C-alpha atoms as a PDB file:
ATOM      1  CA  MET A   1     211.329-108.785 -63.630  1.00  0.00           C
ATOM      2  CA  ASN A   2     211.071-109.388 -67.636  1.00  0.00           C
ATOM      3  CA  ASP A   3     211.528-105.292 -70.112  1.00  0.00           C
ATOM      4  CA  GLU A   4     207.731-105.701 -70.823  1.00  0.00           C
ATOM      5  CA  GLN A   5     207.065-105.525 -66.497  1.00  0.00           C
ATOM      6  CA  ARG A   6     209.632-102.980 -67.072  1.00  0.00           C
ATOM      7  CA  ASP A   7     207.878-100.971 -69.279  1.00  0.00           C
ATOM      8  CA  ARG A   8     204.615-101.415 -67.422  1.00  0.00           C
ATOM      9  CA  ALA A   9     206.668 -99.822 -64.056  1.00  0.00           C
ATOM     10  CA  ARG A  10     207.914 -97.337 -65.686  1.00  0.00           C
ATOM     11  CA  ASP A  11     204.712 -96.463 -67.683  1.00  0.00           C
ATOM     12  CA  ARG A  12     202.898 -96.449 -63.410  1.00  0.00           C
ATOM     13  CA  ALA A  13     205.998 -94.597 -62.112  1.00  0.00           C
ATOM     14  CA  ASN A  14     205.916 -92.004 -64.626  1.00  0.00           C
ATOM     15  CA  ASP A  15     202.036 -91.433 -64.150  1.00  0.00           C
ATOM     16  CA  ASP A  16     202.602 -91.037 -60.541  1.00  0.00           C
ATOM     17  CA  ARG A  17     204.807 -87.902 -60.927  1.00  0.00           C
ATOM     18  CA  ARG A  18     202.832 -86.058 -63.118  1.00  0.00           C
ATOM     19  CA  ARG A  19     199.455 -86.965 -61.237  1.00  0.00           C
ATOM     20  CA  GLU A  20     201.782 -85.320 -57.862  1.00  0.00           C
ATOM     21  CA  ALA A  21     203.067 -82.980 -60.485  1.00  0.00           C
ATOM     22  CA  PHE A  22     199.504 -81.866 -61.795  1.00  0.00           C
ATOM     23  CA  ARG A  23     197.752 -81.991 -57.924  1.00  0.00           C
ATOM     24  CA  THR A  24     200.854 -79.745 -57.147  1.00  0.00           C
ATOM     25  CA  PHE A  25     200.480 -77.587 -59.156  1.00  0.00           C
ATOM     26  CA  LEU A  26     196.405 -77.247 -58.922  1.00  0.00           C
ATOM     27  CA  ARG A  27     196.975 -76.614 -55.039  1.00  0.00           C
ATOM     28  CA  THR A  28     199.267 -73.281 -56.257  1.00  0.00           C
ATOM     29  CA  GLN A  29     196.481 -72.036 -57.838  1.00  0.00           C
ATOM     30  CA  ARG A  30     195.165 -68.497 -55.621  1.00  0.00           C
ATOM     31  CA  VAL A  31     192.133 -67.730 -55.106  1.00  0.00           C
ATOM     32  CA  TRP A  32     190.609 -63.712 -55.553  1.00  0.00           C
ATOM     33  CA  ASP A  33     193.504 -62.492 -55.872  1.00  0.00           C
ATOM     34  CA  THR A  34     192.577 -58.948 -55.459  1.00  0.00           C
ATOM     35  CA  GLU A  35     190.637 -56.916 -52.649  1.00  0.00           C
ATOM     36  CA  LEU A  36     187.207 -58.075 -51.858  1.00  0.00           C
ATOM     37  CA  PRO A  37     183.894 -55.636 -51.840  1.00  0.00           C
ATOM     38  CA  ALA A  38     181.919 -55.565 -48.617  1.00  0.00           C
ATOM     39  CA  PHE A  39     178.430 -57.268 -49.083  1.00  0.00           C
ATOM     40  CA  ASP A  40     176.077 -56.112 -46.178  1.00  0.00           C
ATOM     41  CA  PRO A  41     172.626 -58.176 -46.536  1.00  0.00           C
ATOM     42  CA  ALA A  42     170.037 -56.007 -44.434  1.00  0.00           C
ATOM     43  CA  THR A  43     171.285 -53.088 -47.656  1.00  0.00           C
ATOM     44  CA  ALA A  44     169.362 -55.595 -49.948  1.00  0.00           C
ATOM     45  CA  PRO A  45     166.355 -54.424 -51.682  1.00  0.00           C
ATOM     46  CA  ALA A  46     162.868 -57.051 -50.652  1.00  0.00           C
ATOM     47  CA  GLU A  47     163.417 -58.626 -54.536  1.00  0.00           C
ATOM     48  CA  PRO A  48     166.456 -60.749 -56.390  1.00  0.00           C
ATOM     49  CA  LEU A  49     166.653 -58.811 -59.312  1.00  0.00           C
ATOM     50  CA  PRO A  50     167.433 -55.014 -58.290  1.00  0.00           C
ATOM     51  CA  LEU A  51     170.531 -56.766 -56.568  1.00  0.00           C
ATOM     52  CA  PHE A  52     171.231 -58.898 -59.804  1.00  0.00           C
ATOM     53  CA  HIS A  53     171.014 -55.689 -61.737  1.00  0.00           C
ATOM     54  CA  ARG A  54     173.484 -53.949 -59.114  1.00  0.00           C
ATOM     55  CA  TRP A  55     175.920 -57.121 -58.910  1.00  0.00           C
ATOM     56  CA  PHE A  56     176.279 -57.456 -62.810  1.00  0.00           C
ATOM     57  CA  ILE A  57     176.775 -53.182 -63.290  1.00  0.00           C
ATOM     58  CA  GLU A  58     179.660 -54.212 -60.407  1.00  0.00           C
ATOM     59  CA  ALA A  59     181.288 -56.954 -62.031  1.00  0.00           C
ATOM     60  CA  VAL A  60     181.715 -54.082 -65.625  1.00  0.00           C
ATOM     61  CA  THR A  61     183.173 -51.380 -64.067  1.00  0.00           C
ATOM     62  CA  ALA A  62     185.695 -53.973 -62.199  1.00  0.00           C
ATOM     63  CA  GLY A  63     186.599 -55.245 -65.359  1.00  0.00           C
ATOM     64  CA  GLN A  64     185.039 -58.439 -64.663  1.00  0.00           C
ATOM     65  CA  SER A  65     185.412 -60.077 -68.457  1.00  0.00           C
ATOM     66  CA  GLU A  66     182.695 -61.515 -70.440  1.00  0.00           C
ATOM     67  CA  PRO A  67     180.297 -61.002 -67.379  1.00  0.00           C
ATOM     68  CA  HIS A  68     176.937 -62.084 -68.995  1.00  0.00           C
ATOM     69  CA  THR A  69     178.128 -66.115 -69.226  1.00  0.00           C
ATOM     70  CA  MET A  70     176.694 -68.620 -67.159  1.00  0.00           C
ATOM     71  CA  THR A  71     176.002 -72.361 -66.601  1.00  0.00           C
ATOM     72  CA  LEU A  72     172.839 -73.309 -67.173  1.00  0.00           C
ATOM     73  CA  ALA A  73     171.859 -77.674 -65.215  1.00  0.00           C
ATOM     74  CA  THR A  74     169.648 -79.466 -67.030  1.00  0.00           C
ATOM     75  CA  ALA A  75     168.518 -83.547 -66.801  1.00  0.00           C
ATOM     76  CA  ASP A  76     167.099 -85.073 -69.131  1.00  0.00           C
ATOM     77  CA  GLU A  77     164.482 -87.536 -68.888  1.00  0.00           C
ATOM     78  CA  ARG A  78     166.107 -90.349 -66.898  1.00  0.00           C
ATOM     79  CA  GLY A  79     167.107 -87.630 -64.528  1.00  0.00           C
ATOM     80  CA  ARG A  80     170.893 -87.128 -65.441  1.00  0.00           C
ATOM     81  CA  PRO A  81     172.249 -83.866 -64.330  1.00  0.00           C
ATOM     82  CA  ASP A  82     173.947 -81.421 -67.288  1.00  0.00           C
ATOM     83  CA  VAL A  83     175.715 -78.500 -67.685  1.00  0.00           C
ATOM     84  CA  ARG A  84     177.210 -76.176 -70.474  1.00  0.00           C
ATOM     85  CA  THR A  85     177.664 -72.376 -70.474  1.00  0.00           C
ATOM     86  CA  LEU A  86     175.764 -69.908 -72.489  1.00  0.00           C
ATOM     87  CA  MET A  87     175.271 -66.689 -72.529  1.00  0.00           C
ATOM     88  CA  LEU A  88     172.524 -64.462 -71.172  1.00  0.00           C
ATOM     89  CA  HIS A  89     170.283 -62.535 -73.108  1.00  0.00           C
ATOM     90  CA  ASP A  90     168.106 -60.512 -70.868  1.00  0.00           C
ATOM     91  CA  ALA A  91     166.797 -60.284 -66.718  1.00  0.00           C
ATOM     92  CA  ASP A  92     163.707 -58.852 -65.805  1.00  0.00           C
ATOM     93  CA  GLU A  93     160.526 -59.337 -63.765  1.00  0.00           C
ATOM     94  CA  ARG A  94     159.711 -61.686 -66.262  1.00  0.00           C
ATOM     95  CA  GLY A  95     163.718 -64.242 -65.348  1.00  0.00           C
ATOM     96  CA  TRP A  96     166.937 -64.533 -66.703  1.00  0.00           C
ATOM     97  CA  HIS A  97     166.107 -64.761 -70.611  1.00  0.00           C
ATOM     98  CA  PHE A  98     168.401 -67.193 -72.923  1.00  0.00           C
ATOM     99  CA  ALA A  99     167.992 -68.999 -76.214  1.00  0.00           C
ATOM    100  CA  SER A 100     169.359 -72.448 -77.599  1.00  0.00           C
ATOM    101  CA  HIS A 101     168.012 -74.382 -80.515  1.00  0.00           C
ATOM    102  CA  ALA A 102     165.176 -76.376 -79.793  1.00  0.00           C
ATOM    103  CA  THR A 103     166.274 -79.745 -80.771  1.00  0.00           C
ATOM    104  CA  SER A 104     169.990 -79.154 -79.250  1.00  0.00           C
ATOM    105  CA  ARG A 105     170.627 -81.845 -76.397  1.00  0.00           C
ATOM    106  CA  LYS A 106     169.803 -78.491 -73.709  1.00  0.00           C
ATOM    107  CA  GLY A 107     166.074 -78.397 -75.825  1.00  0.00           C
ATOM    108  CA  ARG A 108     165.356 -81.721 -75.618  1.00  0.00           C
ATOM    109  CA  HIS A 109     166.471 -81.792 -71.929  1.00  0.00           C
ATOM    110  CA  LEU A 110     164.286 -78.651 -70.959  1.00  0.00           C
ATOM    111  CA  ALA A 111     160.817 -80.371 -73.244  1.00  0.00           C
ATOM    112  CA  ALA A 112     161.202 -83.497 -70.731  1.00  0.00           C
ATOM    113  CA  ARG A 113     162.056 -81.895 -67.593  1.00  0.00           C
ATOM    114  CA  PRO A 114     161.761 -77.792 -66.739  1.00  0.00           C
ATOM    115  CA  ASP A 115     163.368 -77.286 -64.060  1.00  0.00           C
ATOM    116  CA  ALA A 116     166.846 -75.987 -64.373  1.00  0.00           C
ATOM    117  CA  ALA A 117     169.689 -73.878 -63.045  1.00  0.00           C
ATOM    118  CA  LEU A 118     171.905 -71.244 -64.047  1.00  0.00           C
ATOM    119  CA  GLY A 119     174.980 -69.952 -62.288  1.00  0.00           C
ATOM    120  CA  PHE A 120     177.427 -66.908 -62.320  1.00  0.00           C
ATOM    121  CA  TYR A 121     180.805 -66.941 -61.463  1.00  0.00           C
ATOM    122  CA  TRP A 122     182.460 -63.194 -60.876  1.00  0.00           C
ATOM    123  CA  PRO A 123     185.873 -64.156 -59.638  1.00  0.00           C
ATOM    124  CA  ALA A 124     186.929 -60.324 -59.963  1.00  0.00           C
ATOM    125  CA  GLN A 125     185.180 -59.219 -56.652  1.00  0.00           C
ATOM    126  CA  GLY A 126     184.157 -62.923 -55.530  1.00  0.00           C
ATOM    127  CA  ARG A 127     180.776 -63.076 -56.042  1.00  0.00           C
ATOM    128  CA  ALA A 128     178.033 -65.659 -57.521  1.00  0.00           C
ATOM    129  CA  VAL A 129     175.059 -65.787 -58.119  1.00  0.00           C
ATOM    130  CA  ARG A 130     173.260 -69.087 -58.251  1.00  0.00           C
ATOM    131  CA  LEU A 131     169.337 -69.013 -59.562  1.00  0.00           C
ATOM    132  CA  ARG A 132     166.223 -71.888 -59.556  1.00  0.00           C
ATOM    133  CA  GLY A 133     163.416 -72.382 -60.883  1.00  0.00           C
ATOM    134  CA  ARG A 134     161.331 -73.212 -63.624  1.00  0.00           C
ATOM    135  CA  VAL A 135     161.445 -72.250 -67.546  1.00  0.00           C
ATOM    136  CA  LEU A 136     159.372 -71.371 -70.115  1.00  0.00           C
ATOM    137  CA  THR A 137     159.577 -71.791 -73.384  1.00  0.00           C
ATOM    138  CA  GLY A 138     159.197 -67.726 -75.419  1.00  0.00           C
ATOM    139  CA  THR A 139     156.469 -67.310 -78.524  1.00  0.00           C
ATOM    140  CA  PRO A 140     158.287 -67.868 -81.949  1.00  0.00           C
ATOM    141  CA  GLU A 141     157.995 -64.446 -82.373  1.00  0.00           C
ATOM    142  CA  GLU A 142     160.198 -63.757 -79.489  1.00  0.00           C
ATOM    143  CA  GLY A 143     162.869 -66.258 -80.362  1.00  0.00           C
ATOM    144  CA  ASP A 144     162.633 -64.875 -84.495  1.00  0.00           C
ATOM    145  CA  ALA A 145     163.299 -61.358 -82.250  1.00  0.00           C
ATOM    146  CA  ASP A 146     165.818 -62.328 -80.146  1.00  0.00           C
ATOM    147  CA  LEU A 147     167.468 -63.805 -82.830  1.00  0.00           C
ATOM    148  CA  HIS A 148     167.558 -61.269 -85.426  1.00  0.00           C
ATOM    149  CA  ALA A 149     168.552 -58.735 -82.542  1.00  0.00           C
ATOM    150  CA  ARG A 150     172.217 -60.695 -82.066  1.00  0.00           C
ATOM    151  CA  SER A 151     175.243 -60.276 -84.167  1.00  0.00           C
ATOM    152  CA  THR A 152     175.709 -62.116 -88.228  1.00  0.00           C
ATOM    153  CA  GLY A 153     177.646 -63.961 -86.676  1.00  0.00           C
ATOM    154  CA  ALA A 154     174.559 -65.264 -83.708  1.00  0.00           C
ATOM    155  CA  LEU A 155     172.934 -65.669 -87.229  1.00  0.00           C
ATOM    156  CA  ALA A 156     174.959 -67.620 -88.800  1.00  0.00           C
ATOM    157  CA  SER A 157     175.229 -70.125 -86.130  1.00  0.00           C
ATOM    158  CA  ALA A 158     171.852 -70.942 -85.811  1.00  0.00           C
ATOM    159  CA  LEU A 159     171.065 -71.257 -89.360  1.00  0.00           C
ATOM    160  CA  VAL A 160     174.081 -73.834 -89.417  1.00  0.00           C
ATOM    161  CA  GLY A 161     171.973 -75.435 -86.832  1.00  0.00           C
ATOM    162  CA  ARG A 162     171.868 -79.234 -86.066  1.00  0.00           C
ATOM    163  CA  GLN A 163     173.333 -78.002 -81.823  1.00  0.00           C
ATOM    164  CA  SER A 164     174.536 -81.409 -80.342  1.00  0.00           C
ATOM    165  CA  ASP A 165     174.103 -83.917 -83.490  1.00  0.00           C
ATOM    166  CA  VAL A 166     177.229 -85.654 -84.125  1.00  0.00           C
ATOM    167  CA  LEU A 167     179.830 -84.545 -86.180  1.00  0.00           C
ATOM    168  CA  GLY A 168     181.316 -86.069 -89.256  1.00  0.00           C
ATOM    169  CA  SER A 169     184.317 -84.047 -90.292  1.00  0.00           C
ATOM    170  CA  GLU A 170     185.571 -80.698 -89.492  1.00  0.00           C
ATOM    171  CA  GLU A 171     185.247 -80.368 -93.840  1.00  0.00           C
ATOM    172  CA  GLU A 172     181.929 -80.508 -93.248  1.00  0.00           C
ATOM    173  CA  LEU A 173     181.369 -78.170 -90.582  1.00  0.00           C
ATOM    174  CA  ALA A 174     183.612 -75.949 -92.902  1.00  0.00           C
ATOM    175  CA  ARG A 175     181.131 -76.542 -95.403  1.00  0.00           C
ATOM    176  CA  ALA A 176     177.960 -75.645 -94.021  1.00  0.00           C
ATOM    177  CA  SER A 177     179.466 -72.720 -92.364  1.00  0.00           C
ATOM    178  CA  ARG A 178     180.160 -70.496 -95.205  1.00  0.00           C
ATOM    179  CA  ALA A 179     176.664 -70.690 -96.230  1.00  0.00           C
ATOM    180  CA  ALA A 180     175.246 -70.022 -93.306  1.00  0.00           C
ATOM    181  CA  TRP A 181     177.537 -66.575 -93.074  1.00  0.00           C
ATOM    182  CA  GLU A 182     177.293 -66.247 -96.681  1.00  0.00           C
ATOM    183  CA  ARG A 183     172.732 -67.058 -95.879  1.00  0.00           C
ATOM    184  CA  ALA A 184     172.900 -64.308 -93.128  1.00  0.00           C
ATOM    185  CA  ARG A 185     175.318 -61.359 -94.965  1.00  0.00           C
ATOM    186  CA  ASP A 186     172.354 -61.687 -97.835  1.00  0.00           C
ATOM    187  CA  GLU A 187     169.204 -62.176 -95.814  1.00  0.00           C
ATOM    188  CA  PRO A 188     169.452 -60.541 -92.421  1.00  0.00           C
ATOM    189  CA  ASP A 189     166.176 -60.858 -92.530  1.00  0.00           C
ATOM    190  CA  ALA A 190     166.566 -65.592 -92.586  1.00  0.00           C
ATOM    191  CA  GLU A 191     164.500 -67.928 -89.908  1.00  0.00           C
ATOM    192  CA  ALA A 192     166.180 -70.617 -88.208  1.00  0.00           C
ATOM    193  CA  ALA A 193     163.005 -72.743 -87.410  1.00  0.00           C
ATOM    194  CA  THR A 194     164.133 -73.949 -84.459  1.00  0.00           C
ATOM    195  CA  TRP A 195     165.621 -71.268 -82.584  1.00  0.00           C
ATOM    196  CA  THR A 196     163.980 -70.612 -78.980  1.00  0.00           C
ATOM    197  CA  ALA A 197     163.276 -68.209 -76.596  1.00  0.00           C
ATOM    198  CA  TYR A 198     163.640 -69.226 -73.315  1.00  0.00           C
ATOM    199  CA  VAL A 199     163.245 -67.721 -69.511  1.00  0.00           C
ATOM    200  CA  LEU A 200     163.791 -68.988 -66.923  1.00  0.00           C
ATOM    201  CA  VAL A 201     161.167 -67.898 -63.120  1.00  0.00           C
ATOM    202  CA  PRO A 202     163.462 -68.508 -59.938  1.00  0.00           C
ATOM    203  CA  ASP A 203     161.736 -69.576 -57.258  1.00  0.00           C
ATOM    204  CA  GLU A 204     165.493 -69.717 -55.281  1.00  0.00           C
ATOM    205  CA  VAL A 205     167.810 -67.284 -55.904  1.00  0.00           C
ATOM    206  CA  GLU A 206     171.636 -66.988 -53.525  1.00  0.00           C
ATOM    207  CA  PHE A 207     174.880 -64.190 -53.838  1.00  0.00           C
ATOM    208  CA  PHE A 208     176.849 -65.240 -52.183  1.00  0.00           C
ATOM    209  CA  GLN A 209     179.547 -63.300 -51.580  1.00  0.00           C
ATOM    210  CA  GLY A 210     183.726 -63.922 -50.810  1.00  0.00           C
ATOM    211  CA  GLU A 211     185.176 -62.802 -47.803  1.00  0.00           C
ATOM    212  CA  ALA A 212     189.137 -63.267 -46.633  1.00  0.00           C
ATOM    213  CA  HIS A 213     188.744 -64.921 -44.080  1.00  0.00           C
ATOM    214  CA  ARG A 214     185.982 -67.703 -45.501  1.00  0.00           C
ATOM    215  CA  ARG A 215     182.867 -65.558 -43.437  1.00  0.00           C
ATOM    216  CA  HIS A 216     181.577 -65.286 -47.097  1.00  0.00           C
ATOM    217  CA  VAL A 217     178.197 -64.045 -47.250  1.00  0.00           C
ATOM    218  CA  ARG A 218     175.338 -65.964 -48.093  1.00  0.00           C
ATOM    219  CA  LEU A 219     172.343 -64.487 -48.902  1.00  0.00           C
ATOM    220  CA  ARG A 220     169.052 -67.148 -50.679  1.00  0.00           C
ATOM    221  CA  TYR A 221     165.941 -65.361 -51.577  1.00  0.00           C
ATOM    222  CA  ARG A 222     163.552 -68.305 -51.914  1.00  0.00           C
ATOM    223  CA  ARG A 223     159.715 -67.170 -53.547  1.00  0.00           C
ATOM    224  CA  GLU A 224     156.917 -67.994 -51.049  1.00  0.00           C
ATOM    225  CA  GLU A 225     153.409 -68.930 -52.832  1.00  0.00           C
ATOM    226  CA  GLY A 226     149.841 -68.123 -51.898  1.00  0.00           C
ATOM    227  CA  ALA A 227     147.510 -65.892 -51.924  1.00  0.00           C
ATOM    228  CA  ARG A 228     150.096 -62.786 -52.269  1.00  0.00           C
ATOM    229  CA  ALA A 229     153.488 -64.206 -54.035  1.00  0.00           C
ATOM    230  CA  ARG A 230     156.126 -62.837 -52.142  1.00  0.00           C
ATOM    231  CA  TRP A 231     160.294 -63.470 -51.072  1.00  0.00           C
ATOM    232  CA  VAL A 232     161.456 -64.590 -48.707  1.00  0.00           C
ATOM    233  CA  ARG A 233     165.273 -63.606 -47.615  1.00  0.00           C
ATOM    234  CA  GLU A 234     167.886 -65.903 -45.920  1.00  0.00           C
ATOM    235  CA  LEU A 235     171.017 -66.088 -44.882  1.00  0.00           C
ATOM    236  CA  LEU A 236     172.743 -69.476 -45.240  1.00  0.00           C
ATOM    237  CA  TRP A 237     175.973 -70.618 -43.395  1.00  0.00           C
ATOM    238  CA  PRO A 238     178.703 -70.316 -45.987  1.00  0.00           C
END
C-alpha cells in the first residue's frame, strides 16, 4: 500500500468514526423529558379552532418558547415538496393566517399550487398540531394592515424584499438592510408592494398528544362537505 492509499484508508476510517459518534450522540437525546399532560379526546369540542386556542395557551403557560412558530409545506409546479419555518399571525373562523412576499419561493409555490400543510410542535407538553387545506390570498389592504401591525424590524425586513433570491455578498445585504431600517423608522407607513397575507383554510386538523408508554392520542378533525359542511372527529392509531 502506497502513501496515497494509506491516506485514503485513514480518511475513510476517520469518517466512519465521525458517523458512528454522531449516531451514538443522536441516540442519547431524550424525548419529552417532562411530565406530559393527559388528553381525553371525548372532551374535545366539535370544531378544531377552540381546541387549538386552548392548546396554544397551555403551551405558553407550560413555558414553550416561540409557540407561534410553525412549519409550512408547499409544492412547486412540478410537485416537489418544500418546507420552512415561519410565524402564525392569527387563527380564527377563516383559518390559520401567515404572511410573506408573493415573490418568495413559498409565494410562487402557493400561486402555482395553493394546497399546503402547516405543523406546530410543542415539546414542552409532547403536543403537535397538523393542518392541511387550501391557501387563500388576502387583499392588498389585508397585507398592508398585517405588515403595519408588526414591529419596525418586521417592516424593515419586508422593505428589503428579494426573499429567496440569490445573494451576491454579505455587504450587499448589510447595505440594503441599513437602508430599509432607516426607511422603516422614517416612514412607518411605508408599503412593501409584494407583502401578502395568506390564510390556510383546513379540511383536516390533527391533534397529537404524546404518552410515556407510546400510546399516543391522535385526534383528527376532517371536514365533510355537503349541504351543511361539518367536522367529523376520528381517532387514529399512533
